[in-house]
N, C-alpha and C. Protein backbone atom coordinates (compact mmCIF):
# COMPACT_ATOMS: atom_id res chain seq x y z
N MET A 1 8.43 -8.65 -19.25
CA MET A 1 9.30 -8.46 -18.09
C MET A 1 9.44 -9.79 -17.39
N ILE A 2 10.58 -9.94 -16.72
CA ILE A 2 10.88 -11.14 -15.98
C ILE A 2 9.89 -11.35 -14.89
N TRP A 3 9.53 -10.31 -14.12
CA TRP A 3 8.64 -10.44 -12.95
C TRP A 3 7.29 -11.07 -13.46
N GLU A 4 6.84 -10.61 -14.57
CA GLU A 4 5.61 -11.09 -15.13
C GLU A 4 5.57 -12.63 -15.38
N LEU A 5 6.65 -13.08 -15.90
CA LEU A 5 6.75 -14.55 -16.07
C LEU A 5 6.81 -15.32 -14.75
N GLU A 6 7.57 -14.81 -13.81
CA GLU A 6 7.52 -15.47 -12.50
C GLU A 6 6.16 -15.30 -11.88
N PHE A 7 5.54 -14.31 -12.00
CA PHE A 7 4.22 -14.02 -11.50
C PHE A 7 3.20 -15.06 -12.10
N LEU A 8 3.23 -15.23 -13.38
CA LEU A 8 2.34 -16.13 -14.03
C LEU A 8 2.64 -17.66 -13.70
N ARG A 9 3.99 -17.87 -13.43
CA ARG A 9 4.27 -19.28 -13.12
C ARG A 9 3.70 -19.68 -11.81
N PHE A 10 3.57 -18.74 -10.81
CA PHE A 10 2.99 -19.13 -9.49
C PHE A 10 1.50 -19.11 -9.48
N ILE A 11 0.80 -18.23 -10.19
CA ILE A 11 -0.59 -18.29 -10.06
C ILE A 11 -1.42 -18.82 -11.30
N GLY A 12 -0.74 -18.96 -12.35
CA GLY A 12 -1.40 -19.50 -13.55
C GLY A 12 -1.81 -18.51 -14.43
N PRO A 13 -1.78 -18.71 -15.84
CA PRO A 13 -2.10 -17.66 -16.82
C PRO A 13 -3.59 -17.27 -16.81
N ASP A 14 -4.54 -18.21 -16.32
CA ASP A 14 -5.97 -17.76 -16.37
C ASP A 14 -6.20 -16.62 -15.29
N GLN A 15 -5.51 -16.66 -14.15
CA GLN A 15 -5.80 -15.53 -13.15
C GLN A 15 -4.78 -14.40 -13.32
N GLY A 16 -3.72 -14.61 -14.10
CA GLY A 16 -2.68 -13.67 -14.15
C GLY A 16 -3.03 -12.31 -14.69
N ALA A 17 -3.88 -12.29 -15.78
CA ALA A 17 -4.27 -11.09 -16.42
C ALA A 17 -5.04 -10.18 -15.45
N GLU A 18 -5.93 -10.78 -14.83
CA GLU A 18 -6.85 -10.01 -13.86
C GLU A 18 -6.10 -9.26 -12.72
N ILE A 19 -5.12 -10.12 -12.16
CA ILE A 19 -4.32 -9.59 -11.05
C ILE A 19 -3.39 -8.62 -11.49
N ARG A 20 -2.82 -8.91 -12.77
CA ARG A 20 -1.77 -7.95 -13.28
C ARG A 20 -2.42 -6.58 -13.50
N GLU A 21 -3.59 -6.54 -14.13
CA GLU A 21 -4.27 -5.26 -14.30
C GLU A 21 -4.58 -4.52 -12.97
N ALA A 22 -4.95 -5.30 -11.87
CA ALA A 22 -5.18 -4.64 -10.65
C ALA A 22 -3.94 -4.05 -10.09
N ILE A 23 -2.83 -4.71 -10.26
CA ILE A 23 -1.60 -4.17 -9.71
C ILE A 23 -1.14 -2.95 -10.52
N LEU A 24 -1.24 -2.97 -11.88
CA LEU A 24 -0.86 -1.91 -12.69
C LEU A 24 -1.68 -0.65 -12.52
N ALA A 25 -2.92 -0.92 -12.12
CA ALA A 25 -3.90 0.19 -11.89
C ALA A 25 -3.53 1.06 -10.69
N GLU A 26 -2.81 0.34 -9.66
CA GLU A 26 -2.47 1.05 -8.43
C GLU A 26 -0.93 1.56 -8.57
N LYS A 27 -0.27 1.21 -9.54
CA LYS A 27 1.11 1.59 -9.79
C LYS A 27 1.29 3.15 -9.81
N PRO A 28 2.08 3.79 -8.95
CA PRO A 28 2.25 5.24 -8.92
C PRO A 28 2.99 5.73 -10.15
N LEU A 29 2.58 6.84 -10.78
CA LEU A 29 3.26 7.34 -11.86
C LEU A 29 4.37 8.29 -11.49
N LEU A 30 5.57 8.06 -12.06
CA LEU A 30 6.66 8.92 -11.75
C LEU A 30 6.78 9.97 -12.75
N PRO A 31 7.36 11.15 -12.33
CA PRO A 31 7.66 12.06 -13.45
C PRO A 31 8.62 11.56 -14.43
N PRO A 32 8.58 11.88 -15.65
CA PRO A 32 9.42 11.24 -16.60
C PRO A 32 10.92 11.43 -16.29
N ALA A 33 11.29 12.48 -15.60
CA ALA A 33 12.69 12.66 -15.32
C ALA A 33 13.20 11.64 -14.27
N LEU A 34 12.34 11.16 -13.46
CA LEU A 34 12.78 10.21 -12.47
C LEU A 34 12.63 8.73 -12.81
N GLU A 35 12.12 8.37 -13.86
CA GLU A 35 11.95 7.07 -14.28
C GLU A 35 13.20 6.35 -14.39
N ARG A 36 14.23 6.97 -15.10
CA ARG A 36 15.58 6.32 -15.27
C ARG A 36 16.28 6.05 -13.98
N PRO A 37 16.34 7.01 -13.01
CA PRO A 37 16.97 6.69 -11.73
C PRO A 37 16.27 5.60 -10.88
N TRP A 38 14.94 5.64 -11.05
CA TRP A 38 14.10 4.62 -10.33
C TRP A 38 14.49 3.23 -10.91
N ARG A 39 14.46 3.11 -12.31
CA ARG A 39 14.80 1.89 -12.85
C ARG A 39 16.24 1.43 -12.56
N CYS A 40 17.16 2.32 -12.55
CA CYS A 40 18.62 2.00 -12.24
C CYS A 40 18.66 1.47 -10.80
N TRP A 41 18.00 2.14 -9.79
CA TRP A 41 18.06 1.70 -8.50
C TRP A 41 17.42 0.23 -8.31
N HIS A 42 16.39 0.05 -8.97
CA HIS A 42 15.76 -1.26 -8.89
C HIS A 42 16.64 -2.36 -9.59
N ASP A 43 17.19 -1.93 -10.69
CA ASP A 43 18.16 -2.96 -11.41
C ASP A 43 19.34 -3.29 -10.58
N LEU A 44 19.76 -2.41 -9.79
CA LEU A 44 21.06 -2.67 -8.98
C LEU A 44 20.74 -3.07 -7.57
N GLU A 45 19.49 -3.33 -7.14
CA GLU A 45 19.31 -3.71 -5.82
C GLU A 45 20.02 -5.00 -5.36
N ASN A 46 20.28 -5.90 -6.29
CA ASN A 46 21.01 -7.11 -5.94
C ASN A 46 22.58 -6.97 -5.98
N ASP A 47 22.96 -5.81 -6.38
CA ASP A 47 24.41 -5.57 -6.44
C ASP A 47 24.98 -5.01 -5.19
N ARG A 48 24.24 -4.73 -4.16
CA ARG A 48 24.70 -4.22 -2.92
C ARG A 48 25.41 -5.31 -2.16
N ALA A 49 26.26 -4.90 -1.27
CA ALA A 49 26.93 -5.72 -0.32
C ALA A 49 26.11 -5.75 1.01
N TRP A 50 26.31 -6.80 1.88
CA TRP A 50 25.61 -6.84 3.11
C TRP A 50 26.68 -7.21 4.20
N THR A 51 26.53 -6.48 5.33
CA THR A 51 27.42 -6.84 6.40
C THR A 51 26.71 -7.77 7.45
N SER A 52 27.44 -8.62 8.13
CA SER A 52 26.82 -9.50 9.07
C SER A 52 27.39 -9.27 10.40
N ASP A 53 26.52 -9.23 11.39
CA ASP A 53 27.01 -9.05 12.90
C ASP A 53 26.27 -10.04 13.63
N LEU A 54 26.90 -10.45 14.73
CA LEU A 54 26.31 -11.22 15.80
C LEU A 54 26.05 -10.33 16.96
N ILE A 55 24.95 -10.31 17.51
CA ILE A 55 24.58 -9.57 18.71
C ILE A 55 24.19 -10.50 19.77
N GLY A 56 24.71 -10.32 20.93
CA GLY A 56 24.49 -11.23 21.96
C GLY A 56 24.26 -10.46 23.32
N GLY A 57 23.47 -11.11 24.18
CA GLY A 57 23.26 -10.58 25.50
C GLY A 57 23.48 -11.61 26.55
N ALA A 58 23.13 -11.42 27.84
CA ALA A 58 23.33 -12.26 28.91
C ALA A 58 22.47 -13.61 28.59
N MET A 59 23.07 -14.66 29.23
CA MET A 59 22.43 -15.99 29.27
C MET A 59 22.45 -16.57 27.81
N GLY A 60 23.33 -16.22 26.96
CA GLY A 60 23.52 -16.87 25.73
C GLY A 60 22.50 -16.43 24.59
N LYS A 61 21.84 -15.33 24.82
CA LYS A 61 20.90 -14.83 23.76
C LYS A 61 21.69 -14.25 22.66
N ILE A 62 21.71 -14.82 21.46
CA ILE A 62 22.51 -14.42 20.32
C ILE A 62 21.71 -14.35 19.11
N ARG A 63 21.89 -13.35 18.31
CA ARG A 63 21.18 -13.28 16.98
C ARG A 63 22.13 -12.68 15.94
N GLY A 64 22.14 -13.32 14.78
CA GLY A 64 22.74 -12.82 13.56
C GLY A 64 22.02 -11.85 12.82
N VAL A 65 22.62 -10.69 12.40
CA VAL A 65 21.97 -9.69 11.67
C VAL A 65 22.64 -9.30 10.46
N SER A 66 22.05 -9.20 9.36
CA SER A 66 22.63 -8.67 8.20
C SER A 66 22.05 -7.27 7.86
N ARG A 67 22.93 -6.37 7.57
CA ARG A 67 22.61 -4.96 7.30
C ARG A 67 23.05 -4.66 5.79
N PRO A 68 22.23 -3.87 5.13
CA PRO A 68 22.62 -3.58 3.67
C PRO A 68 23.60 -2.45 3.72
N CYS A 69 24.48 -2.50 2.71
CA CYS A 69 25.46 -1.34 2.46
C CYS A 69 24.90 -0.70 1.14
N GLY A 70 25.51 0.39 0.88
CA GLY A 70 25.13 1.24 -0.32
C GLY A 70 25.49 0.55 -1.58
N ILE A 71 24.87 0.85 -2.66
CA ILE A 71 25.26 0.20 -4.05
C ILE A 71 26.56 0.92 -4.40
N ALA A 72 27.41 -0.05 -4.93
CA ALA A 72 28.76 0.36 -5.19
C ALA A 72 28.87 1.42 -6.44
N TRP A 73 29.76 2.25 -6.37
CA TRP A 73 29.90 3.27 -7.51
C TRP A 73 30.19 2.52 -8.78
N SER A 74 31.00 1.44 -8.71
CA SER A 74 31.33 0.72 -9.98
C SER A 74 30.07 0.08 -10.63
N ALA A 75 29.11 -0.38 -9.70
CA ALA A 75 27.92 -0.89 -10.36
C ALA A 75 27.08 0.15 -11.03
N LEU A 76 27.08 1.35 -10.48
CA LEU A 76 26.38 2.51 -11.00
C LEU A 76 27.00 2.96 -12.31
N ALA A 77 28.37 2.99 -12.39
CA ALA A 77 29.01 3.44 -13.48
C ALA A 77 28.86 2.45 -14.63
N LEU A 78 28.84 1.18 -14.29
CA LEU A 78 28.67 0.18 -15.38
C LEU A 78 27.21 0.23 -15.93
N TRP A 79 26.25 0.47 -14.95
CA TRP A 79 24.82 0.52 -15.46
C TRP A 79 24.64 1.77 -16.34
N CYS A 80 25.37 2.91 -16.00
CA CYS A 80 25.33 4.04 -16.87
C CYS A 80 25.86 3.73 -18.28
N GLN A 81 27.03 3.08 -18.26
CA GLN A 81 27.67 2.71 -19.57
C GLN A 81 26.78 1.77 -20.47
N VAL A 82 26.18 0.75 -19.72
CA VAL A 82 25.37 -0.27 -20.50
C VAL A 82 24.12 0.36 -21.06
N ASN A 83 23.59 1.38 -20.33
CA ASN A 83 22.28 2.04 -20.64
C ASN A 83 22.41 3.34 -21.37
N ALA A 84 23.69 3.56 -21.84
CA ALA A 84 23.94 4.71 -22.75
C ALA A 84 23.56 5.99 -22.10
N VAL A 85 23.98 6.17 -20.83
CA VAL A 85 23.78 7.50 -20.18
C VAL A 85 24.94 8.28 -20.56
N THR A 86 24.67 9.52 -20.89
CA THR A 86 25.78 10.42 -21.39
C THR A 86 26.59 10.88 -20.19
N GLN A 87 27.82 11.34 -20.41
CA GLN A 87 28.71 11.79 -19.34
C GLN A 87 28.18 12.99 -18.67
N GLU A 88 27.41 13.84 -19.37
CA GLU A 88 26.76 14.98 -18.73
C GLU A 88 25.64 14.57 -17.83
N ASP A 89 24.93 13.51 -18.10
CA ASP A 89 23.73 13.06 -17.31
C ASP A 89 24.10 12.07 -16.11
N ALA A 90 25.24 11.42 -16.30
CA ALA A 90 25.64 10.46 -15.27
C ALA A 90 25.70 10.95 -13.85
N PRO A 91 26.37 12.20 -13.65
CA PRO A 91 26.48 12.53 -12.26
C PRO A 91 25.05 12.88 -11.64
N TRP A 92 24.22 13.46 -12.38
CA TRP A 92 22.84 13.65 -11.92
C TRP A 92 22.08 12.40 -11.56
N LEU A 93 22.19 11.33 -12.56
CA LEU A 93 21.55 10.12 -12.32
C LEU A 93 22.16 9.38 -11.04
N ILE A 94 23.54 9.39 -10.93
CA ILE A 94 24.17 8.69 -9.77
C ILE A 94 23.79 9.38 -8.50
N ALA A 95 23.58 10.69 -8.44
CA ALA A 95 23.10 11.38 -7.32
C ALA A 95 21.69 11.07 -6.96
N GLN A 96 20.81 10.95 -8.00
CA GLN A 96 19.42 10.51 -7.62
C GLN A 96 19.34 9.09 -7.07
N VAL A 97 20.08 8.17 -7.63
CA VAL A 97 20.17 6.85 -7.13
C VAL A 97 20.75 6.77 -5.80
N ARG A 98 21.77 7.54 -5.49
CA ARG A 98 22.35 7.57 -4.14
C ARG A 98 21.28 8.05 -3.15
N ALA A 99 20.43 9.06 -3.57
CA ALA A 99 19.43 9.66 -2.77
C ALA A 99 18.37 8.57 -2.40
N LEU A 100 17.94 7.78 -3.40
CA LEU A 100 17.06 6.76 -3.24
C LEU A 100 17.58 5.70 -2.32
N ASP A 101 18.95 5.44 -2.55
CA ASP A 101 19.48 4.37 -1.72
C ASP A 101 19.70 4.71 -0.28
N ALA A 102 19.88 6.05 -0.04
CA ALA A 102 20.03 6.50 1.32
C ALA A 102 18.70 6.42 2.10
N VAL A 103 17.67 6.67 1.46
CA VAL A 103 16.27 6.52 2.08
C VAL A 103 16.05 5.04 2.40
N PHE A 104 16.38 4.15 1.38
CA PHE A 104 16.24 2.67 1.61
C PHE A 104 17.09 2.22 2.88
N LEU A 105 18.36 2.74 2.86
CA LEU A 105 19.28 2.18 3.90
C LEU A 105 18.77 2.64 5.26
N GLN A 106 18.32 3.86 5.29
CA GLN A 106 17.86 4.43 6.62
C GLN A 106 16.60 3.60 7.09
N HIS A 107 15.61 3.45 6.16
CA HIS A 107 14.46 2.71 6.53
C HIS A 107 14.70 1.25 7.02
N LYS A 108 15.58 0.64 6.12
CA LYS A 108 16.00 -0.76 6.42
C LYS A 108 16.62 -0.96 7.81
N ASN A 109 17.63 -0.04 8.09
CA ASN A 109 18.48 -0.08 9.34
C ASN A 109 17.65 0.25 10.49
N GLU A 110 16.65 1.23 10.37
CA GLU A 110 15.73 1.45 11.43
C GLU A 110 14.91 0.26 11.78
N ARG A 111 14.46 -0.43 10.77
CA ARG A 111 13.60 -1.73 11.04
C ARG A 111 14.42 -2.77 11.71
N ILE A 112 15.72 -2.88 11.31
CA ILE A 112 16.54 -3.88 11.85
C ILE A 112 16.84 -3.53 13.27
N THR A 113 17.18 -2.33 13.59
CA THR A 113 17.46 -1.88 14.96
C THR A 113 16.29 -2.04 15.86
N ALA A 114 15.05 -1.86 15.40
CA ALA A 114 13.85 -2.03 16.19
C ALA A 114 13.70 -3.50 16.44
N SER A 115 13.96 -4.35 15.48
CA SER A 115 13.82 -5.75 15.61
C SER A 115 14.79 -6.32 16.66
N ILE A 116 16.01 -5.76 16.58
CA ILE A 116 17.02 -6.17 17.62
C ILE A 116 16.67 -5.68 18.97
N ALA A 117 16.19 -4.50 19.17
CA ALA A 117 15.64 -4.02 20.43
C ALA A 117 14.46 -4.92 20.95
N GLN A 118 13.66 -5.30 20.12
CA GLN A 118 12.50 -6.15 20.47
C GLN A 118 13.07 -7.53 20.98
N PHE A 119 14.02 -8.08 20.19
CA PHE A 119 14.63 -9.31 20.50
C PHE A 119 15.39 -9.27 21.87
N MET A 120 15.99 -8.25 22.16
CA MET A 120 16.81 -8.14 23.36
C MET A 120 15.86 -7.98 24.63
N LYS A 121 14.70 -7.43 24.40
CA LYS A 121 13.83 -7.24 25.53
C LYS A 121 13.06 -8.56 25.86
N GLY A 122 12.73 -9.20 24.87
CA GLY A 122 11.91 -10.49 25.21
C GLY A 122 12.47 -11.59 24.75
């Protein structure tokens, strides 16, 4: 996997095996039916758009904020095509990825909003 190569590049091959085994030992196991949507969501995480806003207050306090948008349908459709998802399975997979994405977006936007509130207070 690509992440393993990056991982080994930063820590060195002599330490890599021990740390890798520790990480994999803690990895949660997914039900087999959810492995493909999980992989799809992770594969497409860099295909999402981000919006940028400037938020300002009195006395020149300004902060730029980027908020994530949902993964585009076209990226999901292309992922299904490249990964040989059947036409019967594609709607279910897309619905599962959209559900994962909705949870991510809610969590990320709540953290951004809390950070902005803290910034505006102090």
